[in-house]
N, C-alpha and C. Protein backbone atom coordinates (compact mmCIF):
# COMPACT_ATOMS: atom_id res chain seq x y z
N ARG A 1 0.82 -1.19 0.00
CA ARG A 1 0.00 0.00 0.00
C ARG A 1 0.87 1.26 0.00
N ASN A 2 1.94 1.26 0.78
CA ASN A 2 2.82 2.42 0.86
C ASN A 2 3.52 2.70 -0.47
N ALA A 3 3.94 1.63 -1.14
CA ALA A 3 4.60 1.80 -2.43
C ALA A 3 3.63 2.37 -3.46
N ALA A 4 2.40 1.92 -3.42
CA ALA A 4 1.38 2.44 -4.34
C ALA A 4 1.16 3.93 -4.08
N THR A 5 1.08 4.30 -2.82
CA THR A 5 0.89 5.70 -2.46
C THR A 5 2.05 6.55 -2.95
N LEU A 6 3.27 6.05 -2.79
CA LEU A 6 4.44 6.81 -3.24
C LEU A 6 4.44 6.99 -4.76
N LEU A 7 4.12 5.94 -5.49
CA LEU A 7 4.08 6.04 -6.95
C LEU A 7 3.05 7.07 -7.38
N ILE A 8 1.89 7.04 -6.77
CA ILE A 8 0.82 7.96 -7.14
C ILE A 8 1.18 9.40 -6.78
N GLU A 9 1.74 9.59 -5.61
CA GLU A 9 2.12 10.94 -5.17
C GLU A 9 3.23 11.53 -6.02
N ALA A 10 4.14 10.69 -6.49
CA ALA A 10 5.29 11.17 -7.26
C ALA A 10 5.01 11.23 -8.76
N PHE A 11 3.86 10.75 -9.19
CA PHE A 11 3.54 10.70 -10.61
C PHE A 11 3.52 12.09 -11.22
N PRO A 12 4.10 12.27 -12.38
CA PRO A 12 4.87 11.34 -13.19
C PRO A 12 6.36 11.40 -12.84
N LEU A 13 6.95 10.24 -12.72
CA LEU A 13 8.39 10.16 -12.47
C LEU A 13 9.09 10.36 -13.81
N GLN A 14 9.92 11.40 -13.91
CA GLN A 14 10.58 11.70 -15.17
C GLN A 14 12.02 12.12 -14.93
N ASP A 15 12.85 11.77 -15.90
CA ASP A 15 14.23 12.22 -15.93
C ASP A 15 14.35 13.13 -17.15
N PRO A 16 14.50 14.44 -16.94
CA PRO A 16 14.51 15.36 -18.07
C PRO A 16 15.71 15.19 -19.01
N THR A 17 16.70 14.41 -18.59
CA THR A 17 17.86 14.21 -19.45
C THR A 17 17.65 13.09 -20.47
N LEU A 18 16.58 12.32 -20.32
CA LEU A 18 16.32 11.21 -21.24
C LEU A 18 15.74 11.71 -22.55
N PRO A 19 16.02 11.00 -23.64
CA PRO A 19 15.37 11.34 -24.91
C PRO A 19 13.86 11.10 -24.82
N LEU A 20 13.12 11.73 -25.71
CA LEU A 20 11.67 11.68 -25.68
C LEU A 20 11.12 10.25 -25.75
N THR A 21 11.73 9.39 -26.55
CA THR A 21 11.23 8.02 -26.67
C THR A 21 11.36 7.27 -25.35
N GLN A 22 12.47 7.47 -24.66
CA GLN A 22 12.65 6.80 -23.37
C GLN A 22 11.72 7.39 -22.31
N LEU A 23 11.44 8.69 -22.40
CA LEU A 23 10.47 9.30 -21.47
C LEU A 23 9.09 8.70 -21.68
N ASP A 24 8.71 8.51 -22.93
CA ASP A 24 7.41 7.90 -23.23
C ASP A 24 7.34 6.47 -22.71
N GLU A 25 8.42 5.72 -22.87
CA GLU A 25 8.46 4.34 -22.38
C GLU A 25 8.35 4.31 -20.86
N ALA A 26 9.05 5.21 -20.20
CA ALA A 26 9.00 5.27 -18.73
C ALA A 26 7.60 5.63 -18.25
N LEU A 27 6.96 6.55 -18.94
CA LEU A 27 5.61 6.94 -18.58
C LEU A 27 4.63 5.78 -18.81
N GLN A 28 4.81 5.05 -19.90
CA GLN A 28 3.94 3.91 -20.16
C GLN A 28 4.13 2.82 -19.10
N ARG A 29 5.36 2.62 -18.64
CA ARG A 29 5.60 1.65 -17.56
C ARG A 29 4.89 2.07 -16.28
N GLN A 30 4.82 3.38 -16.03
CA GLN A 30 4.11 3.86 -14.85
C GLN A 30 2.61 3.61 -14.98
N PHE A 31 2.06 3.81 -16.18
CA PHE A 31 0.64 3.52 -16.38
C PHE A 31 0.37 2.02 -16.26
N ASP A 32 1.30 1.20 -16.75
CA ASP A 32 1.16 -0.25 -16.60
C ASP A 32 1.18 -0.64 -15.13
N ALA A 33 2.04 0.01 -14.36
CA ALA A 33 2.11 -0.27 -12.92
C ALA A 33 0.81 0.14 -12.22
N LEU A 34 0.24 1.27 -12.64
CA LEU A 34 -1.04 1.70 -12.06
C LEU A 34 -2.15 0.69 -12.38
N ALA A 35 -2.17 0.20 -13.61
CA ALA A 35 -3.17 -0.80 -13.99
C ALA A 35 -2.99 -2.07 -13.17
N ALA A 36 -1.74 -2.46 -12.94
CA ALA A 36 -1.47 -3.65 -12.13
C ALA A 36 -1.93 -3.43 -10.68
N LEU A 37 -1.75 -2.23 -10.17
CA LEU A 37 -2.21 -1.94 -8.81
C LEU A 37 -3.73 -2.01 -8.70
N LEU A 38 -4.42 -1.63 -9.76
CA LEU A 38 -5.88 -1.73 -9.76
C LEU A 38 -6.35 -3.18 -9.69
N LYS A 39 -5.49 -4.11 -10.10
CA LYS A 39 -5.85 -5.53 -10.09
C LYS A 39 -5.21 -6.29 -8.93
N ASP A 40 -4.57 -5.59 -8.01
CA ASP A 40 -3.87 -6.22 -6.90
C ASP A 40 -4.84 -7.03 -6.03
N ASP A 41 -4.31 -8.06 -5.40
CA ASP A 41 -5.12 -8.91 -4.53
C ASP A 41 -5.53 -8.21 -3.23
N SER A 42 -4.73 -7.25 -2.81
CA SER A 42 -4.97 -6.55 -1.55
C SER A 42 -6.02 -5.44 -1.73
N VAL A 43 -7.06 -5.50 -0.92
CA VAL A 43 -8.11 -4.49 -0.99
C VAL A 43 -7.58 -3.08 -0.71
N PRO A 44 -6.79 -2.86 0.36
CA PRO A 44 -6.28 -1.50 0.60
C PRO A 44 -5.44 -0.97 -0.57
N VAL A 45 -4.71 -1.83 -1.23
CA VAL A 45 -3.92 -1.40 -2.39
C VAL A 45 -4.85 -0.99 -3.53
N ARG A 46 -5.90 -1.77 -3.77
CA ARG A 46 -6.86 -1.42 -4.83
C ARG A 46 -7.54 -0.09 -4.52
N VAL A 47 -7.88 0.15 -3.28
CA VAL A 47 -8.52 1.42 -2.90
C VAL A 47 -7.59 2.59 -3.19
N VAL A 48 -6.34 2.48 -2.77
CA VAL A 48 -5.36 3.54 -3.02
C VAL A 48 -5.16 3.72 -4.52
N ALA A 49 -5.10 2.62 -5.26
CA ALA A 49 -4.90 2.69 -6.71
C ALA A 49 -6.08 3.39 -7.39
N VAL A 50 -7.29 3.06 -6.98
CA VAL A 50 -8.47 3.70 -7.57
C VAL A 50 -8.44 5.20 -7.31
N GLN A 51 -8.19 5.57 -6.08
CA GLN A 51 -8.13 6.99 -5.74
C GLN A 51 -7.03 7.70 -6.53
N GLY A 52 -5.88 7.06 -6.63
CA GLY A 52 -4.75 7.66 -7.33
C GLY A 52 -4.97 7.76 -8.82
N VAL A 53 -5.50 6.72 -9.43
CA VAL A 53 -5.75 6.74 -10.87
C VAL A 53 -6.76 7.83 -11.21
N CYS A 54 -7.80 7.95 -10.42
CA CYS A 54 -8.79 9.00 -10.67
C CYS A 54 -8.17 10.38 -10.53
N ARG A 55 -7.33 10.55 -9.53
CA ARG A 55 -6.65 11.83 -9.32
C ARG A 55 -5.73 12.15 -10.50
N ILE A 56 -4.95 11.16 -10.93
CA ILE A 56 -4.03 11.35 -12.05
C ILE A 56 -4.78 11.66 -13.34
N LEU A 57 -5.86 10.93 -13.59
CA LEU A 57 -6.65 11.20 -14.78
C LEU A 57 -7.24 12.61 -14.75
N ALA A 58 -7.69 13.03 -13.59
CA ALA A 58 -8.27 14.37 -13.48
C ALA A 58 -7.21 15.45 -13.70
N LEU A 59 -6.05 15.26 -13.12
CA LEU A 59 -5.00 16.28 -13.22
C LEU A 59 -4.36 16.35 -14.60
N PHE A 60 -4.21 15.20 -15.24
CA PHE A 60 -3.46 15.14 -16.49
C PHE A 60 -4.33 14.72 -17.68
N TRP A 61 -5.64 14.94 -17.58
CA TRP A 61 -6.60 14.45 -18.58
C TRP A 61 -6.19 14.82 -20.01
N GLU A 62 -5.83 16.06 -20.24
CA GLU A 62 -5.52 16.51 -21.59
C GLU A 62 -4.17 16.01 -22.09
N LEU A 63 -3.33 15.55 -21.21
CA LEU A 63 -2.00 15.08 -21.58
C LEU A 63 -1.93 13.57 -21.78
N ILE A 64 -2.91 12.86 -21.25
CA ILE A 64 -2.90 11.39 -21.33
C ILE A 64 -3.63 10.97 -22.60
N PRO A 65 -2.97 10.19 -23.44
CA PRO A 65 -3.64 9.73 -24.67
C PRO A 65 -4.84 8.85 -24.34
N SER A 66 -5.85 8.92 -25.19
CA SER A 66 -7.06 8.13 -24.95
C SER A 66 -6.76 6.63 -24.98
N SER A 67 -5.73 6.23 -25.69
CA SER A 67 -5.35 4.81 -25.72
C SER A 67 -4.85 4.34 -24.36
N THR A 68 -4.48 5.27 -23.50
CA THR A 68 -4.05 4.94 -22.15
C THR A 68 -5.18 5.14 -21.14
N SER A 69 -5.93 6.22 -21.27
CA SER A 69 -6.97 6.51 -20.29
C SER A 69 -8.19 5.60 -20.44
N THR A 70 -8.53 5.22 -21.67
CA THR A 70 -9.71 4.39 -21.88
C THR A 70 -9.64 3.05 -21.17
N PRO A 71 -8.54 2.28 -21.30
CA PRO A 71 -8.49 1.01 -20.56
C PRO A 71 -8.57 1.19 -19.04
N LEU A 72 -7.98 2.25 -18.52
CA LEU A 72 -8.07 2.50 -17.08
C LEU A 72 -9.51 2.80 -16.67
N LEU A 73 -10.20 3.62 -17.46
CA LEU A 73 -11.59 3.94 -17.15
C LEU A 73 -12.48 2.71 -17.27
N LEU A 74 -12.22 1.88 -18.26
CA LEU A 74 -13.00 0.65 -18.42
C LEU A 74 -12.78 -0.29 -17.24
N LEU A 75 -11.54 -0.39 -16.78
CA LEU A 75 -11.24 -1.22 -15.63
C LEU A 75 -11.97 -0.71 -14.38
N LEU A 76 -11.99 0.61 -14.23
CA LEU A 76 -12.69 1.21 -13.09
C LEU A 76 -14.19 0.94 -13.16
N THR A 77 -14.78 1.18 -14.32
CA THR A 77 -16.24 1.13 -14.41
C THR A 77 -16.80 -0.27 -14.65
N LYS A 78 -16.09 -1.10 -15.37
CA LYS A 78 -16.61 -2.43 -15.70
C LYS A 78 -16.26 -3.49 -14.65
N GLU A 79 -15.12 -3.34 -13.99
CA GLU A 79 -14.70 -4.36 -13.04
C GLU A 79 -14.73 -3.87 -11.59
N LEU A 80 -14.00 -2.80 -11.32
CA LEU A 80 -13.85 -2.38 -9.93
C LEU A 80 -15.11 -1.77 -9.34
N ALA A 81 -15.96 -1.19 -10.16
CA ALA A 81 -17.23 -0.65 -9.66
C ALA A 81 -18.17 -1.77 -9.21
N HIS A 82 -17.84 -3.00 -9.60
CA HIS A 82 -18.65 -4.17 -9.24
C HIS A 82 -17.84 -5.17 -8.42
N ASP A 83 -16.81 -4.70 -7.75
CA ASP A 83 -15.92 -5.56 -6.97
C ASP A 83 -16.71 -6.21 -5.83
N ALA A 84 -17.01 -7.49 -5.99
CA ALA A 84 -17.81 -8.20 -4.99
C ALA A 84 -17.03 -8.48 -3.71
N ALA A 85 -15.72 -8.41 -3.78
CA ALA A 85 -14.90 -8.75 -2.63
C ALA A 85 -14.78 -7.60 -1.63
N ALA A 86 -15.00 -6.37 -2.09
CA ALA A 86 -14.76 -5.25 -1.19
C ALA A 86 -15.64 -4.05 -1.54
N ASN A 87 -16.50 -3.70 -0.63
CA ASN A 87 -17.33 -2.52 -0.87
C ASN A 87 -16.51 -1.24 -0.82
N SER A 88 -15.39 -1.25 -0.11
CA SER A 88 -14.55 -0.04 -0.05
C SER A 88 -13.97 0.29 -1.42
N VAL A 89 -13.71 -0.72 -2.23
CA VAL A 89 -13.23 -0.48 -3.59
C VAL A 89 -14.34 0.13 -4.43
N ARG A 90 -15.54 -0.39 -4.30
CA ARG A 90 -16.68 0.15 -5.04
C ARG A 90 -16.92 1.61 -4.66
N VAL A 91 -16.86 1.90 -3.38
CA VAL A 91 -17.05 3.28 -2.91
C VAL A 91 -15.96 4.17 -3.47
N ALA A 92 -14.72 3.71 -3.45
CA ALA A 92 -13.60 4.50 -3.96
C ALA A 92 -13.79 4.81 -5.45
N VAL A 93 -14.31 3.85 -6.20
CA VAL A 93 -14.55 4.08 -7.64
C VAL A 93 -15.54 5.22 -7.83
N PHE A 94 -16.64 5.18 -7.14
CA PHE A 94 -17.67 6.22 -7.34
C PHE A 94 -17.23 7.56 -6.81
N GLN A 95 -16.48 7.57 -5.73
CA GLN A 95 -15.93 8.84 -5.24
C GLN A 95 -14.90 9.39 -6.23
N GLY A 96 -14.07 8.50 -6.76
CA GLY A 96 -13.06 8.92 -7.72
C GLY A 96 -13.67 9.43 -9.02
N LEU A 97 -14.71 8.76 -9.49
CA LEU A 97 -15.37 9.20 -10.72
C LEU A 97 -16.05 10.55 -10.51
N ARG A 98 -16.59 10.76 -9.33
CA ARG A 98 -17.19 12.05 -9.01
C ARG A 98 -16.12 13.15 -9.06
N PHE A 99 -14.94 12.85 -8.52
CA PHE A 99 -13.82 13.80 -8.57
C PHE A 99 -13.38 14.04 -10.00
N LEU A 100 -13.40 13.00 -10.79
CA LEU A 100 -12.96 13.07 -12.18
C LEU A 100 -13.89 13.95 -13.01
N LEU A 101 -15.17 13.89 -12.71
CA LEU A 101 -16.14 14.70 -13.45
C LEU A 101 -16.09 16.13 -12.98
């Protein structure tokens, strides 16, 4: 949970000395890590991930390509909004979507 919080708080992690292609790859790895956190087995990690992904999408909406934001939104709305294992995850999704709007 702490590592997830750190990744979300520090997002986006960038090295300005890297070429643009490597910056894009590093950013894509961060989005992949966020998607993996949304699927984590731990409920507290999923809650933090949902809150963080919604925050990141809200803050960087115009900068994130739709090919990246769409799968994250689909994961939030199609899977995590119906998470039978944890109502706290479901609540986090709806609170996050409210923040996003």
